Structure formats: C-alpha cells, structure tokens
Amino acid sequence: MAIWPGTIGGIANSRSQIANVPSAICYLLFVICYARFGESRIVLMFQLFLSSSAPPEIVSRLQEFVDSEEVDPYKPSLYQGERPIIGRIEGHEFHLRKRSGGQWYWNALNPAFWFKPALYGTVSPKEKGSEVLVEGGSPLAIKISWAILFLAIAGFFGIFTALSYPVNINFDPTHVGFDMQLALLLMNIVLGILLLIPLIGWFTTRNELDFLKSELQSRLNLKPITKIEG
C-alpha cells in the first residue's frame, strides 16, 4: 500500500493537536465556574430591607428620582429624562438601571451596554410598614444567549475539525497537521474573545449595583436586614 509523503508526520502532528482539544473543554469549565461562582459573588445582589412607610408611599417616592424607561432615540442615553436612574415601576415591583453617559449608538459597541446590571425589587406590606426585596445582576437573557453562542461556536469548530481530518488525510496529507493546528488556534482565539467580552462588561459596570442600592436605601430610608423573616 502506497504511503503519501509526509503522511506519517502529518498524522503524528494531527494526533498531537487532537490532544489539545481539551483546551476547549477548559474554556467551557471556566465559563461554568464564572457563571456559578464569579457572578454569584461579584455581580449578583440579593438583599432585604425594611421601611416604616406603606407600599404606596414607597412607590410614590420611587417616581421622584427615577425616570421612566421610555425610549427616545434623540436623547444621548436613548431614554427620556436626565435623572441618573431609569426604570420601570409596575404596581409594587420595580426595575432600575443606571443611565449611561455618552451617545447610545457608540455605547452599543461597548460590552457594558449589553451586560449592564439592573436592580429588581418588590415591595410587600408588613404589619408596621413595608418590606423591600431587591435582587441585582446582569440580564439573564444576555447570559443565556452568550452561553448558547459560546457553545455553538465551540461545537462548530469541533465538528469542522473532526470532519475535515479524514478529508485532509486523503487529499492533502502533508498539511493535515498544520490545518488542524490552525483550526484549533482560531477556535481558542474566538472563544477567548467571547470570554473576554463579558469580563470587560463586568469590569466597566462593577460599581453600578452598589450605586443603585445606595440611592434606593438613602432616598427611601430603608433599613437592611441580614436575615429573611419567615
């Protein structure tokens, strides 16, 4: 049986590169650990407050320092008003975000625009006042979409590399090792960029949840409690 020149060397190089496939698995494990531990400790916020005011009064005072989340493309921040906090107030529930500076169409190119954290709250009546439960973090839809994109790209490169390997062995054995190495290198670069983007978004917005919580606590005279009462 004839052996193409360089076939053995190409196969050896290819196998050595196949051994590097677990690097993609390492990326995936990093994403899972980041989502499970990093975000839960850094980005997510969950706290309970008490107030001596009734729920209708708290909702009314919220409207005094929060601009309605109404889109206005002619405004630099994309939303009407000038207050530093924008949001939606529906009944006894609210959704708050910090207003972005600069022009919104330039901000859309920044990861902070897509991974911008928000503060979600619920006001419940208590025997002597109200209970305000707040939870903050990056939008869940963005996290899920980014995870799906990450897995789709990792799967595409993995399938492409696996399917192209036997073809290259038969028709271009001298370059099979280089082609597989190039495919894995491109996969690592793309996946690395996809991991870097949410980290940039978190870094540039890391203080926004603290700002929202501080404003909420000071303007509504809320008292934090460390234990949720049953």
Foldseek 3Di string as FASTA:
>chain_A
DDDDPQLVVLVVLQVVLVVVLCVLVVLVVVLVCCVPPVCVPQFKDKFKWFAQAALVVLLVLVVVQEAEQDADLVDQQRGDDDHQKYWDDDPQKIKIFGGDDGHVVVCVVALLVQFGKIKIWGWADDPRHIMIIIIMGGDPVSSVVLSVVLVVLSVVLVVVLVVCQVVCSVPPSNCSSVVSNVSVVVNVVVSVVSVVRVVRNCVVNSCGVVVVVVVSCVSRVIGTDDDDDD
